[in-house]
């Protein structure tokens, strides 16, 4: 028997009818056509399917869609602002923090969550925040550099915005 579930994804309210056993990952990809979130291991180990659930990173392959009732979900598609890439997305491209790209959506979402809380993280904080995201290509050095660079750009943009308001 299907259940009607309402949640907000990337700022848009959705009401979907789902089987109780359907994962949030399946509903995002198949029901809402948000295919940026990737299915890797289906066991919560790789982090490719990471999304934010009320601002906290979760592996969407382990969350049932019905558990997201009334919650705010941010996928990799929601990290960018309209046509502007978020600084973490720009830095990942510019500094080579991605290679095959399969893990990139999860890493971007996890990094975005970290930078929302702390726009000046040190290497250990970055590595802890990304501990649930497995990448077999990059070796993480460029990923960590991209997160630091994005934080620096976010601080610059924040100062610039504050000066405009003053």
C-alpha atoms as a PDB file:
ATOM      1  CA  UNK A   1       0.000   0.000   0.000  1.00  0.00           C
ATOM      2  CA  UNK A   2       1.412   3.360  -1.022  1.00  0.00           C
ATOM      3  CA  UNK A   3       1.804   6.322   1.308  1.00  0.00           C
ATOM      4  CA  UNK A   4       1.576   9.979   0.373  1.00  0.00           C
ATOM      5  CA  UNK A   5       4.663  11.849   1.495  1.00  0.00           C
ATOM      6  CA  UNK A   6       5.329  15.593   1.365  1.00  0.00           C
ATOM      7  CA  UNK A   7       8.816  17.019   1.508  1.00  0.00           C
ATOM      8  CA  UNK A   8      10.715  19.939   0.075  1.00  0.00           C
ATOM      9  CA  UNK A   9      13.524  19.196  -2.360  1.00  0.00           C
ATOM     10  CA  UNK A  10      15.866  22.014  -3.334  1.00  0.00           C
ATOM     11  CA  UNK A  11      13.277  24.559  -2.241  1.00  0.00           C
ATOM     12  CA  UNK A  12      10.329  22.980  -4.082  1.00  0.00           C
ATOM     13  CA  UNK A  13       7.503  21.242  -2.216  1.00  0.00           C
ATOM     14  CA  UNK A  14       6.728  17.766  -3.562  1.00  0.00           C
ATOM     15  CA  UNK A  15       3.975  15.321  -2.712  1.00  0.00           C
ATOM     16  CA  UNK A  16       4.700  11.808  -3.866  1.00  0.00           C
ATOM     17  CA  UNK A  17       2.966   8.495  -3.455  1.00  0.00           C
ATOM     18  CA  UNK A  18       5.517   5.847  -2.510  1.00  0.00           C
ATOM     19  CA  UNK A  19       5.769   2.234  -1.487  1.00  0.00           C
ATOM     20  CA  UNK A  20       6.863   2.074   2.168  1.00  0.00           C
ATOM     21  CA  UNK A  21      10.030   0.185   1.203  1.00  0.00           C
ATOM     22  CA  UNK A  22      11.212   2.768  -1.385  1.00  0.00           C
ATOM     23  CA  UNK A  23      14.383   4.574  -0.469  1.00  0.00           C
ATOM     24  CA  UNK A  24      14.752   8.304  -0.665  1.00  0.00           C
ATOM     25  CA  UNK A  25      17.439   7.703  -3.298  1.00  0.00           C
ATOM     26  CA  UNK A  26      14.995   5.795  -5.523  1.00  0.00           C
ATOM     27  CA  UNK A  27      12.300   8.457  -5.175  1.00  0.00           C
ATOM     28  CA  UNK A  28      14.739  11.275  -5.942  1.00  0.00           C
ATOM     29  CA  UNK A  29      16.166   9.543  -9.014  1.00  0.00           C
ATOM     30  CA  UNK A  30      13.144   7.700 -10.388  1.00  0.00           C
ATOM     31  CA  UNK A  31      10.217   9.721  -9.081  1.00  0.00           C
ATOM     32  CA  UNK A  32      11.609  13.262  -9.292  1.00  0.00           C
ATOM     33  CA  UNK A  33      14.245  12.740 -12.037  1.00  0.00           C
ATOM     34  CA  UNK A  34      16.998  14.219  -9.844  1.00  0.00           C
ATOM     35  CA  UNK A  35      19.721  11.940 -11.142  1.00  0.00           C
ATOM     36  CA  UNK A  36      22.696  13.888  -9.794  1.00  0.00           C
ATOM     37  CA  UNK A  37      22.525  11.784  -6.652  1.00  0.00           C
ATOM     38  CA  UNK A  38      24.243   8.512  -7.532  1.00  0.00           C
ATOM     39  CA  UNK A  39      23.614   4.961  -6.406  1.00  0.00           C
ATOM     40  CA  UNK A  40      26.890   3.295  -5.610  1.00  0.00           C
ATOM     41  CA  UNK A  41      26.922   0.550  -3.014  1.00  0.00           C
ATOM     42  CA  UNK A  42      23.282   0.607  -1.777  1.00  0.00           C
ATOM     43  CA  UNK A  43      24.624  -0.143   1.718  1.00  0.00           C
ATOM     44  CA  UNK A  44      25.527   3.362   2.923  1.00  0.00           C
ATOM     45  CA  UNK A  45      29.267   2.787   2.647  1.00  0.00           C
ATOM     46  CA  UNK A  46      30.340   4.830  -0.393  1.00  0.00           C
ATOM     47  CA  UNK A  47      28.573   8.179   0.084  1.00  0.00           C
ATOM     48  CA  UNK A  48      27.748   8.674  -3.623  1.00  0.00           C
ATOM     49  CA  UNK A  49      24.083   9.101  -2.688  1.00  0.00           C
ATOM     50  CA  UNK A  50      24.660  11.718   0.025  1.00  0.00           C
ATOM     51  CA  UNK A  51      21.972  14.385   0.330  1.00  0.00           C
ATOM     52  CA  UNK A  52      21.159  16.839   3.087  1.00  0.00           C
ATOM     53  CA  UNK A  53      18.156  16.031   5.222  1.00  0.00           C
ATOM     54  CA  UNK A  54      17.269  19.146   7.190  1.00  0.00           C
ATOM     55  CA  UNK A  55      20.840  20.332   6.636  1.00  0.00           C
ATOM     56  CA  UNK A  56      22.588  17.136   7.753  1.00  0.00           C
ATOM     57  CA  UNK A  57      24.349  14.752   5.356  1.00  0.00           C
ATOM     58  CA  UNK A  58      22.725  11.323   5.036  1.00  0.00           C
ATOM     59  CA  UNK A  59      23.186   8.422   2.682  1.00  0.00           C
ATOM     60  CA  UNK A  60      19.866   8.437   0.851  1.00  0.00           C
ATOM     61  CA  UNK A  61      20.127   4.732   0.011  1.00  0.00           C
ATOM     62  CA  UNK A  62      19.536   3.993   3.705  1.00  0.00           C
ATOM     63  CA  UNK A  63      16.678   6.451   4.283  1.00  0.00           C
ATOM     64  CA  UNK A  64      13.160   5.386   3.450  1.00  0.00           C
ATOM     65  CA  UNK A  65      11.265   8.058   1.540  1.00  0.00           C
ATOM     66  CA  UNK A  66       8.473   7.965   4.139  1.00  0.00           C
ATOM     67  CA  UNK A  67      11.024   9.004   6.788  1.00  0.00           C
ATOM     68  CA  UNK A  68      11.518  12.293   4.933  1.00  0.00           C
ATOM     69  CA  UNK A  69       7.926  13.416   5.558  1.00  0.00           C
ATOM     70  CA  UNK A  70       7.888  17.167   6.170  1.00  0.00           C
ATOM     71  CA  UNK A  71      11.656  17.532   5.863  1.00  0.00           C
ATOM     72  CA  UNK A  72      13.898  19.717   3.703  1.00  0.00           C
ATOM     73  CA  UNK A  73      16.100  17.800   1.269  1.00  0.00           C
ATOM     74  CA  UNK A  74      19.035  19.272  -0.629  1.00  0.00           C
ATOM     75  CA  UNK A  75      20.548  17.290  -3.479  1.00  0.00           C
ATOM     76  CA  UNK A  76      23.616  18.149  -5.526  1.00  0.00           C
ATOM     77  CA  UNK A  77      21.275  19.929  -7.954  1.00  0.00           C
ATOM     78  CA  UNK A  78      20.242  22.241  -5.117  1.00  0.00           C
ATOM     79  CA  UNK A  79      23.769  23.297  -4.167  1.00  0.00           C
ATOM     80  CA  UNK A  80      24.068  25.693  -7.122  1.00  0.00           C
ATOM     81  CA  UNK A  81      22.162  28.972  -7.030  1.00  0.00           C
ATOM     82  CA  UNK A  82      20.108  29.301 -10.231  1.00  0.00           C
ATOM     83  CA  UNK A  83      22.766  29.450 -12.964  1.00  0.00           C
ATOM     84  CA  UNK A  84      25.648  30.187 -10.566  1.00  0.00           C
ATOM     85  CA  UNK A  85      27.776  27.315  -9.352  1.00  0.00           C
ATOM     86  CA  UNK A  86      28.463  27.241  -5.623  1.00  0.00           C
ATOM     87  CA  UNK A  87      32.113  27.958  -4.731  1.00  0.00           C
ATOM     88  CA  UNK A  88      32.617  24.273  -3.810  1.00  0.00           C
ATOM     89  CA  UNK A  89      31.502  23.218  -7.277  1.00  0.00           C
ATOM     90  CA  UNK A  90      33.766  25.768  -8.938  1.00  0.00           C
ATOM     91  CA  UNK A  91      36.742  24.814  -6.780  1.00  0.00           C
ATOM     92  CA  UNK A  92      36.295  21.094  -7.451  1.00  0.00           C
ATOM     93  CA  UNK A  93      36.490  21.750 -11.192  1.00  0.00           C
ATOM     94  CA  UNK A  94      39.296  24.318 -11.048  1.00  0.00           C
ATOM     95  CA  UNK A  95      41.531  22.364  -8.668  1.00  0.00           C
ATOM     96  CA  UNK A  96      40.904  18.908 -10.113  1.00  0.00           C
ATOM     97  CA  UNK A  97      39.016  17.574  -7.113  1.00  0.00           C
ATOM     98  CA  UNK A  98      37.124  15.224  -9.402  1.00  0.00           C
ATOM     99  CA  UNK A  99      38.144  12.660 -11.912  1.00  0.00           C
ATOM    100  CA  UNK A 100      35.655   9.992 -12.966  1.00  0.00           C
ATOM    101  CA  UNK A 101      32.951  12.030 -11.243  1.00  0.00           C
ATOM    102  CA  UNK A 102      30.906   9.214  -9.749  1.00  0.00           C
ATOM    103  CA  UNK A 103      31.598  10.172  -6.134  1.00  0.00           C
ATOM    104  CA  UNK A 104      31.567  13.908  -6.872  1.00  0.00           C
ATOM    105  CA  UNK A 105      27.889  14.617  -6.059  1.00  0.00           C
ATOM    106  CA  UNK A 106      28.205  13.069  -2.597  1.00  0.00           C
ATOM    107  CA  UNK A 107      31.496  14.825  -1.922  1.00  0.00           C
ATOM    108  CA  UNK A 108      30.052  18.165  -3.031  1.00  0.00           C
ATOM    109  CA  UNK A 109      26.986  17.759  -0.804  1.00  0.00           C
ATOM    110  CA  UNK A 110      29.089  16.722   2.213  1.00  0.00           C
ATOM    111  CA  UNK A 111      31.518  19.604   1.597  1.00  0.00           C
ATOM    112  CA  UNK A 112      28.627  22.032   1.177  1.00  0.00           C
ATOM    113  CA  UNK A 113      27.214  20.942   4.553  1.00  0.00           C
ATOM    114  CA  UNK A 114      30.590  21.442   6.222  1.00  0.00           C
ATOM    115  CA  UNK A 115      31.063  24.879   4.665  1.00  0.00           C
ATOM    116  CA  UNK A 116      27.583  25.947   5.771  1.00  0.00           C
ATOM    117  CA  UNK A 117      28.685  25.352   9.372  1.00  0.00           C
ATOM    118  CA  UNK A 118      32.352  26.303   9.073  1.00  0.00           C
ATOM    119  CA  UNK A 119      33.701  28.262   6.115  1.00  0.00           C
ATOM    120  CA  UNK A 120      37.281  27.977   7.385  1.00  0.00           C
ATOM    121  CA  UNK A 121      37.801  24.281   8.169  1.00  0.00           C
ATOM    122  CA  UNK A 122      41.233  22.778   8.667  1.00  0.00           C
ATOM    123  CA  UNK A 123      42.407  19.612   6.907  1.00  0.00           C
ATOM    124  CA  UNK A 124      41.303  17.318   9.750  1.00  0.00           C
ATOM    125  CA  UNK A 125      37.812  18.830   9.841  1.00  0.00           C
ATOM    126  CA  UNK A 126      37.488  18.436   6.085  1.00  0.00           C
ATOM    127  CA  UNK A 127      38.685  14.833   6.154  1.00  0.00           C
ATOM    128  CA  UNK A 128      36.248  14.023   8.999  1.00  0.00           C
ATOM    129  CA  UNK A 129      33.362  15.621   7.102  1.00  0.00           C
ATOM    130  CA  UNK A 130      34.241  13.559   4.021  1.00  0.00           C
ATOM    131  CA  UNK A 131      34.910  10.312   5.875  1.00  0.00           C
ATOM    132  CA  UNK A 132      31.708   8.754   4.523  1.00  0.00           C
ATOM    133  CA  UNK A 133      32.565   9.527   0.902  1.00  0.00           C
ATOM    134  CA  UNK A 134      34.747   7.040  -0.923  1.00  0.00           C
ATOM    135  CA  UNK A 135      36.721   8.106  -3.979  1.00  0.00           C
ATOM    136  CA  UNK A 136      38.908   5.671  -5.834  1.00  0.00           C
ATOM    137  CA  UNK A 137      40.423   8.216  -8.244  1.00  0.00           C
ATOM    138  CA  UNK A 138      41.538  11.445  -6.580  1.00  0.00           C
ATOM    139  CA  UNK A 139      43.430  10.486  -3.447  1.00  0.00           C
ATOM    140  CA  UNK A 140      41.501  13.303  -1.685  1.00  0.00           C
ATOM    141  CA  UNK A 141      44.404  15.806  -1.685  1.00  0.00           C
ATOM    142  CA  UNK A 142      42.810  17.956  -4.382  1.00  0.00           C
ATOM    143  CA  UNK A 143      39.376  17.499  -2.810  1.00  0.00           C
ATOM    144  CA  UNK A 144      40.644  18.886   0.501  1.00  0.00           C
ATOM    145  CA  UNK A 145      42.320  21.773  -1.348  1.00  0.00           C
ATOM    146  CA  UNK A 146      39.040  22.488  -3.168  1.00  0.00           C
ATOM    147  CA  UNK A 147      37.081  22.637   0.100  1.00  0.00           C
ATOM    148  CA  UNK A 148      39.626  25.050   1.573  1.00  0.00           C
ATOM    149  CA  UNK A 149      39.548  27.187  -1.559  1.00  0.00           C
ATOM    150  CA  UNK A 150      35.728  27.235  -1.563  1.00  0.00           C
ATOM    151  CA  UNK A 151      35.705  28.327   2.073  1.00  0.00           C
ATOM    152  CA  UNK A 152      38.079  31.143   1.231  1.00  0.00           C
ATOM    153  CA  UNK A 153      35.833  32.259  -1.631  1.00  0.00           C
ATOM    154  CA  UNK A 154      32.739  32.077   0.612  1.00  0.00           C
ATOM    155  CA  UNK A 155      34.448  34.317   3.161  1.00  0.00           C
ATOM    156  CA  UNK A 156      35.408  36.765   0.408  1.00  0.00           C
ATOM    157  CA  UNK A 157      31.836  36.844  -0.917  1.00  0.00           C
ATOM    158  CA  UNK A 158      30.471  37.294   2.594  1.00  0.00           C
ATOM    159  CA  UNK A 159      32.748  40.292   3.224  1.00  0.00           C
ATOM    160  CA  UNK A 160      31.791  41.771  -0.142  1.00  0.00           C
ATOM    161  CA  UNK A 161      28.088  41.350   0.651  1.00  0.00           C
ATOM    162  CA  UNK A 162      28.534  42.917   4.086  1.00  0.00           C
ATOM    163  CA  UNK A 163      30.263  45.959   2.553  1.00  0.00           C
ATOM    164  CA  UNK A 164      27.378  46.418   0.080  1.00  0.00           C
ATOM    165  CA  UNK A 165      24.859  46.392   2.942  1.00  0.00           C
ATOM    166  CA  UNK A 166      26.823  48.973   4.938  1.00  0.00           C
END
